[in-house]
């Protein structure tokens, strides 16, 4: 019985999206950043439209969003963007979320700040 469970679990894992936790930027302390609430608004604007379907970018006040590749679904974009905000906002100036599923590979880069 243990063998069947292991085989089933391995099979399900093979078909699950391969997503990683957000990797936060090493830079922090920029004083010209969007608020956390504004970043969730940027998430809605970016993932709520069609930007998640292919390589695209968007400026949002002091923030910048860049996507290389595409997500399998709109929900994956929402989840990845939220992952960056929840893990990196307030600690670092942005983060990157890498995703791969069913032939779709995405690298979502969200910069909360404009420190040039």
PDB file of N, CA and C in Angstrom:
ATOM      1  N   UNK A   1       0.816  -1.190   0.000  1.00  0.00           N
ATOM      2  CA  UNK A   1       0.000   0.000   0.000  1.00  0.00           C
ATOM      3  C   UNK A   1       0.869   1.267   0.000  1.00  0.00           C
ATOM      4  N   UNK A   2       1.966   1.236   0.742  1.00  0.00           N
ATOM      5  CA  UNK A   2       2.886   2.374   0.782  1.00  0.00           C
ATOM      6  C   UNK A   2       3.412   2.681  -0.615  1.00  0.00           C
ATOM      7  N   UNK A   3       3.715   1.648  -1.390  1.00  0.00           N
ATOM      8  CA  UNK A   3       4.239   1.824  -2.742  1.00  0.00           C
ATOM      9  C   UNK A   3       3.241   2.567  -3.621  1.00  0.00           C
ATOM     10  N   UNK A   4       1.959   2.205  -3.562  1.00  0.00           N
ATOM     11  CA  UNK A   4       0.936   2.870  -4.377  1.00  0.00           C
ATOM     12  C   UNK A   4       0.846   4.357  -4.039  1.00  0.00           C
ATOM     13  N   UNK A   5       0.883   4.666  -2.758  1.00  0.00           N
ATOM     14  CA  UNK A   5       0.817   6.064  -2.349  1.00  0.00           C
ATOM     15  C   UNK A   5       2.008   6.845  -2.890  1.00  0.00           C
ATOM     16  N   UNK A   6       3.180   6.259  -2.811  1.00  0.00           N
ATOM     17  CA  UNK A   6       4.395   6.915  -3.300  1.00  0.00           C
ATOM     18  C   UNK A   6       4.310   7.163  -4.797  1.00  0.00           C
ATOM     19  N   UNK A   7       3.827   6.182  -5.541  1.00  0.00           N
ATOM     20  CA  UNK A   7       3.686   6.325  -6.991  1.00  0.00           C
ATOM     21  C   UNK A   7       2.660   7.407  -7.324  1.00  0.00           C
ATOM     22  N   UNK A   8       1.540   7.412  -6.626  1.00  0.00           N
ATOM     23  CA  UNK A   8       0.503   8.418  -6.872  1.00  0.00           C
ATOM     24  C   UNK A   8       1.031   9.815  -6.534  1.00  0.00           C
ATOM     25  N   UNK A   9       1.700   9.953  -5.405  1.00  0.00           N
ATOM     26  CA  UNK A   9       2.252  11.254  -5.009  1.00  0.00           C
ATOM     27  C   UNK A   9       3.281  11.744  -6.015  1.00  0.00           C
ATOM     28  N   UNK A  10       4.131  10.857  -6.493  1.00  0.00           N
ATOM     29  CA  UNK A  10       5.145  11.242  -7.482  1.00  0.00           C
ATOM     30  C   UNK A  10       4.493  11.651  -8.793  1.00  0.00           C
ATOM     31  N   UNK A  11       3.446  10.958  -9.186  1.00  0.00           N
ATOM     32  CA  UNK A  11       2.734  11.286 -10.425  1.00  0.00           C
ATOM     33  C   UNK A  11       2.076  12.657 -10.319  1.00  0.00           C
ATOM     34  N   UNK A  12       1.414  12.922  -9.206  1.00  0.00           N
ATOM     35  CA  UNK A  12       0.776  14.225  -9.018  1.00  0.00           C
ATOM     36  C   UNK A  12       1.804  15.345  -8.987  1.00  0.00           C
ATOM     37  N   UNK A  13       2.918  15.114  -8.346  1.00  0.00           N
ATOM     38  CA  UNK A  13       3.970  16.133  -8.282  1.00  0.00           C
ATOM     39  C   UNK A  13       4.520  16.457  -9.658  1.00  0.00           C
ATOM     40  N   UNK A  14       4.557  15.478 -10.535  1.00  0.00           N
ATOM     41  CA  UNK A  14       5.078  15.700 -11.885  1.00  0.00           C
ATOM     42  C   UNK A  14       4.188  16.647 -12.684  1.00  0.00           C
ATOM     43  N   UNK A  15       2.902  16.693 -12.347  1.00  0.00           N
ATOM     44  CA  UNK A  15       1.977  17.542 -13.087  1.00  0.00           C
ATOM     45  C   UNK A  15       1.663  18.856 -12.378  1.00  0.00           C
ATOM     46  N   UNK A  16       2.211  19.066 -11.216  1.00  0.00           N
ATOM     47  CA  UNK A  16       1.991  20.307 -10.469  1.00  0.00           C
ATOM     48  C   UNK A  16       2.912  21.396 -11.007  1.00  0.00           C
ATOM     49  N   UNK A  17       2.470  22.643 -10.939  1.00  0.00           N
ATOM     50  CA  UNK A  17       3.348  23.729 -11.378  1.00  0.00           C
ATOM     51  C   UNK A  17       4.627  23.753 -10.556  1.00  0.00           C
ATOM     52  N   UNK A  18       5.706  24.054 -11.225  1.00  0.00           N
ATOM     53  CA  UNK A  18       6.983  24.180 -10.533  1.00  0.00           C
ATOM     54  C   UNK A  18       7.201  25.663 -10.270  1.00  0.00           C
ATOM     55  N   UNK A  19       6.927  26.063  -9.069  1.00  0.00           N
ATOM     56  CA  UNK A  19       7.096  27.461  -8.702  1.00  0.00           C
ATOM     57  C   UNK A  19       8.010  27.527  -7.495  1.00  0.00           C
ATOM     58  N   UNK A  20       8.748  28.564  -7.428  1.00  0.00           N
ATOM     59  CA  UNK A  20       9.680  28.728  -6.340  1.00  0.00           C
ATOM     60  C   UNK A  20       9.263  29.935  -5.523  1.00  0.00           C
ATOM     61  N   UNK A  21       9.694  29.950  -4.292  1.00  0.00           N
ATOM     62  CA  UNK A  21       9.455  31.131  -3.471  1.00  0.00           C
ATOM     63  C   UNK A  21      10.137  32.316  -4.142  1.00  0.00           C
ATOM     64  N   UNK A  22       9.622  33.467  -3.869  1.00  0.00           N
ATOM     65  CA  UNK A  22      10.232  34.665  -4.439  1.00  0.00           C
ATOM     66  C   UNK A  22      11.665  34.814  -3.943  1.00  0.00           C
ATOM     67  N   UNK A  23      12.510  35.285  -4.822  1.00  0.00           N
ATOM     68  CA  UNK A  23      13.882  35.631  -4.454  1.00  0.00           C
ATOM     69  C   UNK A  23      13.923  37.148  -4.347  1.00  0.00           C
ATOM     70  N   UNK A  24      14.111  37.634  -3.144  1.00  0.00           N
ATOM     71  CA  UNK A  24      14.113  39.082  -2.929  1.00  0.00           C
ATOM     72  C   UNK A  24      15.434  39.689  -3.381  1.00  0.00           C
ATOM     73  N   UNK A  25      15.364  40.929  -3.850  1.00  0.00           N
ATOM     74  CA  UNK A  25      16.577  41.662  -4.210  1.00  0.00           C
ATOM     75  C   UNK A  25      17.503  41.749  -2.995  1.00  0.00           C
ATOM     76  N   UNK A  26      18.764  41.905  -3.252  1.00  0.00           N
ATOM     77  CA  UNK A  26      19.704  42.125  -2.144  1.00  0.00           C
ATOM     78  C   UNK A  26      19.651  43.581  -1.686  1.00  0.00           C
ATOM     79  N   UNK A  27      19.221  44.482  -2.565  1.00  0.00           N
ATOM     80  CA  UNK A  27      19.149  45.911  -2.231  1.00  0.00           C
ATOM     81  C   UNK A  27      17.926  46.207  -1.367  1.00  0.00           C
ATOM     82  N   UNK A  28      18.111  47.118  -0.435  1.00  0.00           N
ATOM     83  CA  UNK A  28      17.002  47.584   0.395  1.00  0.00           C
ATOM     84  C   UNK A  28      17.296  49.011   0.843  1.00  0.00           C
ATOM     85  N   UNK A  29      16.283  49.658   1.382  1.00  0.00           N
ATOM     86  CA  UNK A  29      16.494  50.987   1.934  1.00  0.00           C
ATOM     87  C   UNK A  29      16.200  52.135   1.001  1.00  0.00           C
ATOM     88  N   UNK A  30      15.709  51.859  -0.186  1.00  0.00           N
ATOM     89  CA  UNK A  30      15.337  52.931  -1.099  1.00  0.00           C
ATOM     90  C   UNK A  30      14.185  53.716  -0.472  1.00  0.00           C
ATOM     91  N   UNK A  31      14.216  55.000  -0.580  1.00  0.00           N
ATOM     92  CA  UNK A  31      13.186  55.842   0.048  1.00  0.00           C
ATOM     93  C   UNK A  31      12.053  56.209  -0.908  1.00  0.00           C
ATOM     94  N   UNK A  32      12.227  55.945  -2.206  1.00  0.00           N
ATOM     95  CA  UNK A  32      11.214  56.301  -3.192  1.00  0.00           C
ATOM     96  C   UNK A  32      10.545  55.028  -3.699  1.00  0.00           C
ATOM     97  N   UNK A  33       9.594  54.516  -2.910  1.00  0.00           N
ATOM     98  CA  UNK A  33       8.935  53.247  -3.234  1.00  0.00           C
ATOM     99  C   UNK A  33       7.419  53.406  -3.212  1.00  0.00           C
ATOM    100  N   UNK A  34       6.754  52.537  -3.922  1.00  0.00           N
ATOM    101  CA  UNK A  34       5.300  52.471  -3.866  1.00  0.00           C
ATOM    102  C   UNK A  34       4.887  51.829  -2.538  1.00  0.00           C
ATOM    103  N   UNK A  35       3.685  52.147  -2.076  1.00  0.00           N
ATOM    104  CA  UNK A  35       3.172  51.528  -0.852  1.00  0.00           C
ATOM    105  C   UNK A  35       2.804  50.069  -1.133  1.00  0.00           C
ATOM    106  N   UNK A  36       2.659  49.302  -0.079  1.00  0.00           N
ATOM    107  CA  UNK A  36       2.258  47.898  -0.245  1.00  0.00           C
ATOM    108  C   UNK A  36       0.888  47.809  -0.914  1.00  0.00           C
ATOM    109  N   UNK A  37      -0.028  48.672  -0.506  1.00  0.00           N
ATOM    110  CA  UNK A  37      -1.361  48.710  -1.104  1.00  0.00           C
ATOM    111  C   UNK A  37      -1.281  49.023  -2.600  1.00  0.00           C
ATOM    112  N   UNK A  38      -0.427  49.959  -2.952  1.00  0.00           N
ATOM    113  CA  UNK A  38      -0.240  50.312  -4.359  1.00  0.00           C
ATOM    114  C   UNK A  38       0.321  49.134  -5.153  1.00  0.00           C
ATOM    115  N   UNK A  39       1.178  48.335  -4.519  1.00  0.00           N
ATOM    116  CA  UNK A  39       1.742  47.175  -5.217  1.00  0.00           C
ATOM    117  C   UNK A  39       0.666  46.119  -5.473  1.00  0.00           C
ATOM    118  N   UNK A  40      -0.296  45.987  -4.558  1.00  0.00           N
ATOM    119  CA  UNK A  40      -1.411  45.068  -4.818  1.00  0.00           C
ATOM    120  C   UNK A  40      -2.305  45.612  -5.939  1.00  0.00           C
ATOM    121  N   UNK A  41      -2.421  46.939  -6.038  1.00  0.00           N
ATOM    122  CA  UNK A  41      -3.142  47.536  -7.167  1.00  0.00           C
ATOM    123  C   UNK A  41      -2.397  47.267  -8.475  1.00  0.00           C
ATOM    124  N   UNK A  42      -1.067  47.351  -8.433  1.00  0.00           N
ATOM    125  CA  UNK A  42      -0.255  47.049  -9.620  1.00  0.00           C
ATOM    126  C   UNK A  42      -0.436  45.587 -10.021  1.00  0.00           C
ATOM    127  N   UNK A  43      -0.506  44.723  -9.040  1.00  0.00           N
ATOM    128  CA  UNK A  43      -0.752  43.291  -9.289  1.00  0.00           C
ATOM    129  C   UNK A  43      -2.072  43.108 -10.039  1.00  0.00           C
ATOM    130  N   UNK A  44      -3.120  43.798  -9.571  1.00  0.00           N
ATOM    131  CA  UNK A  44      -4.427  43.691 -10.223  1.00  0.00           C
ATOM    132  C   UNK A  44      -4.360  44.218 -11.654  1.00  0.00           C
ATOM    133  N   UNK A  45      -3.690  45.335 -11.849  1.00  0.00           N
ATOM    134  CA  UNK A  45      -3.585  45.923 -13.188  1.00  0.00           C
ATOM    135  C   UNK A  45      -2.797  45.018 -14.130  1.00  0.00           C
ATOM    136  N   UNK A  46      -1.697  44.456 -13.651  1.00  0.00           N
ATOM    137  CA  UNK A  46      -0.833  43.638 -14.504  1.00  0.00           C
ATOM    138  C   UNK A  46      -1.448  42.265 -14.772  1.00  0.00           C
ATOM    139  N   UNK A  47      -1.820  41.565 -13.725  1.00  0.00           N
ATOM    140  CA  UNK A  47      -2.333  40.197 -13.890  1.00  0.00           C
ATOM    141  C   UNK A  47      -3.805  40.175 -14.288  1.00  0.00           C
ATOM    142  N   UNK A  48      -4.535  41.248 -13.986  1.00  0.00           N
ATOM    143  CA  UNK A  48      -5.955  41.300 -14.311  1.00  0.00           C
ATOM    144  C   UNK A  48      -6.231  41.514 -15.787  1.00  0.00           C
ATOM    145  N   UNK A  49      -5.234  41.979 -16.513  1.00  0.00           N
ATOM    146  CA  UNK A  49      -5.372  42.166 -17.958  1.00  0.00           C
ATOM    147  C   UNK A  49      -4.782  40.983 -18.697  1.00  0.00           C
ATOM    148  N   UNK A  50      -4.107  41.265 -19.780  1.00  0.00           N
ATOM    149  CA  UNK A  50      -3.522  40.186 -20.587  1.00  0.00           C
ATOM    150  C   UNK A  50      -1.998  40.139 -20.503  1.00  0.00           C
ATOM    151  N   UNK A  51      -1.391  40.986 -19.664  1.00  0.00           N
ATOM    152  CA  UNK A  51       0.071  41.037 -19.584  1.00  0.00           C
ATOM    153  C   UNK A  51       0.700  39.713 -19.178  1.00  0.00           C
ATOM    154  N   UNK A  52      -0.005  38.893 -18.422  1.00  0.00           N
ATOM    155  CA  UNK A  52       0.524  37.618 -17.943  1.00  0.00           C
ATOM    156  C   UNK A  52       0.714  36.606 -19.075  1.00  0.00           C
ATOM    157  N   UNK A  53       0.138  36.864 -20.236  1.00  0.00           N
ATOM    158  CA  UNK A  53       0.163  35.900 -21.337  1.00  0.00           C
ATOM    159  C   UNK A  53       1.445  35.917 -22.154  1.00  0.00           C
ATOM    160  N   UNK A  54       2.310  36.891 -21.943  1.00  0.00           N
ATOM    161  CA  UNK A  54       3.552  36.943 -22.707  1.00  0.00           C
ATOM    162  C   UNK A  54       4.481  38.012 -22.174  1.00  0.00           C
ATOM    163  N   UNK A  55       5.689  38.022 -22.677  1.00  0.00           N
ATOM    164  CA  UNK A  55       6.698  38.976 -22.232  1.00  0.00           C
ATOM    165  C   UNK A  55       6.142  40.395 -22.305  1.00  0.00           C
ATOM    166  N   UNK A  56       6.196  41.096 -21.180  1.00  0.00           N
ATOM    167  CA  UNK A  56       5.650  42.451 -21.119  1.00  0.00           C
ATOM    168  C   UNK A  56       6.245  43.186 -19.926  1.00  0.00           C
ATOM    169  N   UNK A  57       6.001  44.483 -19.892  1.00  0.00           N
ATOM    170  CA  UNK A  57       6.459  45.286 -18.758  1.00  0.00           C
ATOM    171  C   UNK A  57       5.449  46.390 -18.488  1.00  0.00           C
ATOM    172  N   UNK A  58       5.522  46.921 -17.275  1.00  0.00           N
ATOM    173  CA  UNK A  58       4.590  47.961 -16.870  1.00  0.00           C
ATOM    174  C   UNK A  58       5.268  48.839 -15.824  1.00  0.00           C
ATOM    175  N   UNK A  59       5.116  50.142 -15.978  1.00  0.00           N
ATOM    176  CA  UNK A  59       5.543  51.082 -14.942  1.00  0.00           C
ATOM    177  C   UNK A  59       4.328  51.403 -14.096  1.00  0.00           C
ATOM    178  N   UNK A  60       4.542  51.516 -12.790  1.00  0.00           N
ATOM    179  CA  UNK A  60       3.449  51.816 -11.865  1.00  0.00           C
ATOM    180  C   UNK A  60       3.989  52.788 -10.824  1.00  0.00           C
ATOM    181  N   UNK A  61       3.852  54.083 -11.077  1.00  0.00           N
ATOM    182  CA  UNK A  61       4.437  55.066 -10.178  1.00  0.00           C
ATOM    183  C   UNK A  61       5.945  54.886 -10.117  1.00  0.00           C
ATOM    184  N   UNK A  62       6.461  54.628  -8.924  1.00  0.00           N
ATOM    185  CA  UNK A  62       7.892  54.386  -8.751  1.00  0.00           C
ATOM    186  C   UNK A  62       8.267  52.927  -8.980  1.00  0.00           C
ATOM    187  N   UNK A  63       7.292  52.083  -9.225  1.00  0.00           N
ATOM    188  CA  UNK A  63       7.534  50.644  -9.391  1.00  0.00           C
ATOM    189  C   UNK A  63       7.667  50.266 -10.864  1.00  0.00           C
ATOM    190  N   UNK A  64       8.302  49.130 -11.077  1.00  0.00           N
ATOM    191  CA  UNK A  64       8.463  48.580 -12.425  1.00  0.00           C
ATOM    192  C   UNK A  64       8.182  47.082 -12.353  1.00  0.00           C
ATOM    193  N   UNK A  65       7.398  46.578 -13.310  1.00  0.00           N
ATOM    194  CA  UNK A  65       7.078  45.154 -13.386  1.00  0.00           C
ATOM    195  C   UNK A  65       7.536  44.644 -14.743  1.00  0.00           C
ATOM    196  N   UNK A  66       8.292  43.555 -14.747  1.00  0.00           N
ATOM    197  CA  UNK A  66       8.770  42.948 -15.991  1.00  0.00           C
ATOM    198  C   UNK A  66       8.497  41.456 -15.967  1.00  0.00           C
ATOM    199  N   UNK A  67       7.927  40.965 -17.043  1.00  0.00           N
ATOM    200  CA  UNK A  67       7.680  39.531 -17.193  1.00  0.00           C
ATOM    201  C   UNK A  67       8.396  39.043 -18.436  1.00  0.00           C
ATOM    202  N   UNK A  68       9.204  38.021 -18.263  1.00  0.00           N
ATOM    203  CA  UNK A  68       9.813  37.319 -19.394  1.00  0.00           C
ATOM    204  C   UNK A  68       9.126  35.970 -19.470  1.00  0.00           C
ATOM    205  N   UNK A  69       8.601  35.621 -20.636  1.00  0.00           N
ATOM    206  CA  UNK A  69       7.888  34.357 -20.794  1.00  0.00           C
ATOM    207  C   UNK A  69       6.407  34.541 -20.554  1.00  0.00           C
ATOM    208  N   UNK A  70       5.741  33.470 -20.104  1.00  0.00           N
ATOM    209  CA  UNK A  70       4.301  33.531 -19.868  1.00  0.00           C
ATOM    210  C   UNK A  70       3.901  32.547 -18.778  1.00  0.00           C
ATOM    211  N   UNK A  71       2.786  32.858 -18.127  1.00  0.00           N
ATOM    212  CA  UNK A  71       2.206  31.962 -17.132  1.00  0.00           C
ATOM    213  C   UNK A  71       1.193  31.049 -17.815  1.00  0.00           C
ATOM    214  N   UNK A  72       0.934  29.905 -17.216  1.00  0.00           N
ATOM    215  CA  UNK A  72      -0.064  28.966 -17.735  1.00  0.00           C
ATOM    216  C   UNK A  72      -1.471  29.536 -17.565  1.00  0.00           C
ATOM    217  N   UNK A  73      -1.683  30.235 -16.457  1.00  0.00           N
ATOM    218  CA  UNK A  73      -3.005  30.806 -16.201  1.00  0.00           C
ATOM    219  C   UNK A  73      -2.864  32.171 -15.524  1.00  0.00           C
ATOM    220  N   UNK A  74      -3.929  32.911 -15.568  1.00  0.00           N
ATOM    221  CA  UNK A  74      -3.964  34.222 -14.934  1.00  0.00           C
ATOM    222  C   UNK A  74      -3.747  34.086 -13.427  1.00  0.00           C
ATOM    223  N   UNK A  75      -4.321  33.049 -12.826  1.00  0.00           N
ATOM    224  CA  UNK A  75      -4.180  32.847 -11.382  1.00  0.00           C
ATOM    225  C   UNK A  75      -2.720  32.659 -10.981  1.00  0.00           C
ATOM    226  N   UNK A  76      -1.938  32.004 -11.835  1.00  0.00           N
ATOM    227  CA  UNK A  76      -0.511  31.815 -11.543  1.00  0.00           C
ATOM    228  C   UNK A  76       0.207  33.162 -11.479  1.00  0.00           C
ATOM    229  N   UNK A  77      -0.194  34.102 -12.321  1.00  0.00           N
ATOM    230  CA  UNK A  77       0.373  35.452 -12.279  1.00  0.00           C
ATOM    231  C   UNK A  77       0.009  36.136 -10.961  1.00  0.00           C
ATOM    232  N   UNK A  78      -1.271  36.087 -10.599  1.00  0.00           N
ATOM    233  CA  UNK A  78      -1.704  36.673  -9.331  1.00  0.00           C
ATOM    234  C   UNK A  78      -0.926  36.080  -8.156  1.00  0.00           C
ATOM    235  N   UNK A  79      -0.771  34.761  -8.149  1.00  0.00           N
ATOM    236  CA  UNK A  79      -0.079  34.084  -7.047  1.00  0.00           C
ATOM    237  C   UNK A  79       1.396  34.471  -6.986  1.00  0.00           C
ATOM    238  N   UNK A  80       2.063  34.489  -8.138  1.00  0.00           N
ATOM    239  CA  UNK A  80       3.477  34.836  -8.169  1.00  0.00           C
ATOM    240  C   UNK A  80       3.731  36.266  -7.723  1.00  0.00           C
ATOM    241  N   UNK A  81       2.901  37.183  -8.193  1.00  0.00           N
ATOM    242  CA  UNK A  81       3.037  38.597  -7.827  1.00  0.00           C
ATOM    243  C   UNK A  81       2.818  38.765  -6.320  1.00  0.00           C
ATOM    244  N   UNK A  82       1.766  38.116  -5.793  1.00  0.00           N
ATOM    245  CA  UNK A  82       1.488  38.191  -4.356  1.00  0.00           C
ATOM    246  C   UNK A  82       2.629  37.592  -3.545  1.00  0.00           C
ATOM    247  N   UNK A  83       3.226  36.537  -4.066  1.00  0.00           N
ATOM    248  CA  UNK A  83       4.360  35.894  -3.414  1.00  0.00           C
ATOM    249  C   UNK A  83       5.508  36.893  -3.244  1.00  0.00           C
ATOM    250  N   UNK A  84       5.803  37.649  -4.294  1.00  0.00           N
ATOM    251  CA  UNK A  84       6.871  38.658  -4.221  1.00  0.00           C
ATOM    252  C   UNK A  84       6.531  39.721  -3.179  1.00  0.00           C
ATOM    253  N   UNK A  85       5.309  40.230  -3.216  1.00  0.00           N
ATOM    254  CA  UNK A  85       4.921  41.276  -2.265  1.00  0.00           C
ATOM    255  C   UNK A  85       5.002  40.753  -0.829  1.00  0.00           C
ATOM    256  N   UNK A  86       4.405  39.596  -0.574  1.00  0.00           N
ATOM    257  CA  UNK A  86       4.344  39.103   0.807  1.00  0.00           C
ATOM    258  C   UNK A  86       5.715  38.735   1.364  1.00  0.00           C
ATOM    259  N   UNK A  87       6.611  38.271   0.526  1.00  0.00           N
ATOM    260  CA  UNK A  87       7.923  37.849   1.007  1.00  0.00           C
ATOM    261  C   UNK A  87       8.961  38.973   1.017  1.00  0.00           C
ATOM    262  N   UNK A  88       8.822  39.941   0.129  1.00  0.00           N
ATOM    263  CA  UNK A  88       9.891  40.933  -0.036  1.00  0.00           C
ATOM    264  C   UNK A  88       9.531  42.343   0.415  1.00  0.00           C
ATOM    265  N   UNK A  89       8.249  42.737   0.329  1.00  0.00           N
ATOM    266  CA  UNK A  89       7.891  44.119   0.639  1.00  0.00           C
ATOM    267  C   UNK A  89       8.206  44.427   2.108  1.00  0.00           C
ATOM    268  N   UNK A  90       8.831  45.578   2.322  1.00  0.00           N
ATOM    269  CA  UNK A  90       9.190  45.999   3.668  1.00  0.00           C
ATOM    270  C   UNK A  90      10.549  45.486   4.116  1.00  0.00           C
ATOM    271  N   UNK A  91      11.125  44.591   3.326  1.00  0.00           N
ATOM    272  CA  UNK A  91      12.438  44.028   3.659  1.00  0.00           C
ATOM    273  C   UNK A  91      13.471  44.378   2.594  1.00  0.00           C
ATOM    274  N   UNK A  92      13.070  44.247   1.328  1.00  0.00           N
ATOM    275  CA  UNK A  92      13.957  44.498   0.193  1.00  0.00           C
ATOM    276  C   UNK A  92      13.205  45.375  -0.806  1.00  0.00           C
ATOM    277  N   UNK A  93      13.897  45.851  -1.827  1.00  0.00           N
ATOM    278  CA  UNK A  93      13.295  46.782  -2.787  1.00  0.00           C
ATOM    279  C   UNK A  93      12.513  46.100  -3.908  1.00  0.00           C
ATOM    280  N   UNK A  94      12.417  44.787  -3.890  1.00  0.00           N
ATOM    281  CA  UNK A  94      11.680  44.049  -4.906  1.00  0.00           C
ATOM    282  C   UNK A  94      12.065  42.593  -4.875  1.00  0.00           C
ATOM    283  N   UNK A  95      11.591  41.861  -5.895  1.00  0.00           N
ATOM    284  CA  UNK A  95      11.912  40.443  -5.942  1.00  0.00           C
ATOM    285  C   UNK A  95      11.588  39.831  -7.287  1.00  0.00           C
ATOM    286  N   UNK A  96      11.981  38.576  -7.429  1.00  0.00           N
ATOM    287  CA  UNK A  96      11.798  37.825  -8.671  1.00  0.00           C
ATOM    288  C   UNK A  96      11.114  36.504  -8.349  1.00  0.00           C
ATOM    289  N   UNK A  97      10.154  36.131  -9.179  1.00  0.00           N
ATOM    290  CA  UNK A  97       9.426  34.876  -9.036  1.00  0.00           C
ATOM    291  C   UNK A  97       9.624  34.082 -10.323  1.00  0.00           C
ATOM    292  N   UNK A  98      10.103  32.860 -10.194  1.00  0.00           N
ATOM    293  CA  UNK A  98      10.354  32.002 -11.347  1.00  0.00           C
ATOM    294  C   UNK A  98       9.338  30.873 -11.346  1.00  0.00           C
ATOM    295  N   UNK A  99       8.797  30.562 -12.529  1.00  0.00           N
ATOM    296  CA  UNK A  99       7.678  29.632 -12.650  1.00  0.00           C
ATOM    297  C   UNK A  99       7.850  28.771 -13.894  1.00  0.00           C
ATOM    298  N   UNK A 100       7.460  27.509 -13.796  1.00  0.00           N
ATOM    299  CA  UNK A 100       7.488  26.622 -14.957  1.00  0.00           C
ATOM    300  C   UNK A 100       6.384  25.581 -14.818  1.00  0.00           C
ATOM    301  N   UNK A 101       5.527  25.471 -15.854  1.00  0.00           N
ATOM    302  CA  UNK A 101       4.450  24.487 -15.840  1.00  0.00           C
ATOM    303  C   UNK A 101       3.907  24.281 -17.249  1.00  0.00           C
ATOM    304  N   UNK A 102       3.796  23.052 -17.633  1.00  0.00           N
ATOM    305  CA  UNK A 102       3.101  22.670 -18.864  1.00  0.00           C
ATOM    306  C   UNK A 102       3.575  23.469 -20.085  1.00  0.00           C
ATOM    307  N   UNK A 103       4.872  23.626 -20.204  1.00  0.00           N
ATOM    308  CA  UNK A 103       5.429  24.344 -21.346  1.00  0.00           C
ATOM    309  C   UNK A 103       5.469  25.849 -21.198  1.00  0.00           C
ATOM    310  N   UNK A 104       5.028  26.353 -20.074  1.00  0.00           N
ATOM    311  CA  UNK A 104       5.054  27.795 -19.810  1.00  0.00           C
ATOM    312  C   UNK A 104       6.137  28.088 -18.781  1.00  0.00           C
ATOM    313  N   UNK A 105       7.034  28.979 -19.130  1.00  0.00           N
ATOM    314  CA  UNK A 105       8.093  29.413 -18.224  1.00  0.00           C
ATOM    315  C   UNK A 105       7.974  30.919 -18.056  1.00  0.00           C
ATOM    316  N   UNK A 106       8.073  31.371 -16.820  1.00  0.00           N
ATOM    317  CA  UNK A 106       7.942  32.801 -16.554  1.00  0.00           C
ATOM    318  C   UNK A 106       8.967  33.240 -15.524  1.00  0.00           C
ATOM    319  N   UNK A 107       9.436  34.452 -15.724  1.00  0.00           N
ATOM    320  CA  UNK A 107      10.310  35.118 -14.744  1.00  0.00           C
ATOM    321  C   UNK A 107       9.693  36.494 -14.505  1.00  0.00           C
ATOM    322  N   UNK A 108       9.039  36.641 -13.366  1.00  0.00           N
ATOM    323  CA  UNK A 108       8.363  37.880 -12.999  1.00  0.00           C
ATOM    324  C   UNK A 108       9.273  38.676 -12.065  1.00  0.00           C
ATOM    325  N   UNK A 109       9.616  39.882 -12.471  1.00  0.00           N
ATOM    326  CA  UNK A 109      10.528  40.749 -11.724  1.00  0.00           C
ATOM    327  C   UNK A 109       9.747  41.997 -11.312  1.00  0.00           C
ATOM    328  N   UNK A 110       9.567  42.177 -10.020  1.00  0.00           N
ATOM    329  CA  UNK A 110       8.800  43.309  -9.505  1.00  0.00           C
ATOM    330  C   UNK A 110       9.712  44.177  -8.638  1.00  0.00           C
ATOM    331  N   UNK A 111       9.917  45.415  -9.083  1.00  0.00           N
ATOM    332  CA  UNK A 111      10.750  46.390  -8.378  1.00  0.00           C
ATOM    333  C   UNK A 111       9.806  47.411  -7.749  1.00  0.00           C
ATOM    334  N   UNK A 112       9.776  47.470  -6.430  1.00  0.00           N
ATOM    335  CA  UNK A 112       8.863  48.366  -5.720  1.00  0.00           C
ATOM    336  C   UNK A 112       9.302  49.826  -5.773  1.00  0.00           C
ATOM    337  N   UNK A 113      10.555  50.069  -6.092  1.00  0.00           N
ATOM    338  CA  UNK A 113      11.169  51.381  -5.880  1.00  0.00           C
ATOM    339  C   UNK A 113      11.859  51.944  -7.129  1.00  0.00           C
ATOM    340  N   UNK A 114      12.168  53.225  -7.044  1.00  0.00           N
ATOM    341  CA  UNK A 114      12.924  53.903  -8.093  1.00  0.00           C
ATOM    342  C   UNK A 114      14.115  54.592  -7.440  1.00  0.00           C
ATOM    343  N   UNK A 115      15.204  53.861  -7.307  1.00  0.00           N
ATOM    344  CA  UNK A 115      16.413  54.385  -6.640  1.00  0.00           C
ATOM    345  C   UNK A 115      17.555  54.498  -7.628  1.00  0.00           C
ATOM    346  N   UNK A 116      17.465  55.414  -8.520  1.00  0.00           N
ATOM    347  CA  UNK A 116      18.564  55.579  -9.476  1.00  0.00           C
ATOM    348  C   UNK A 116      19.372  56.790  -9.135  1.00  0.00           C
TER     349      UNK A 116
END
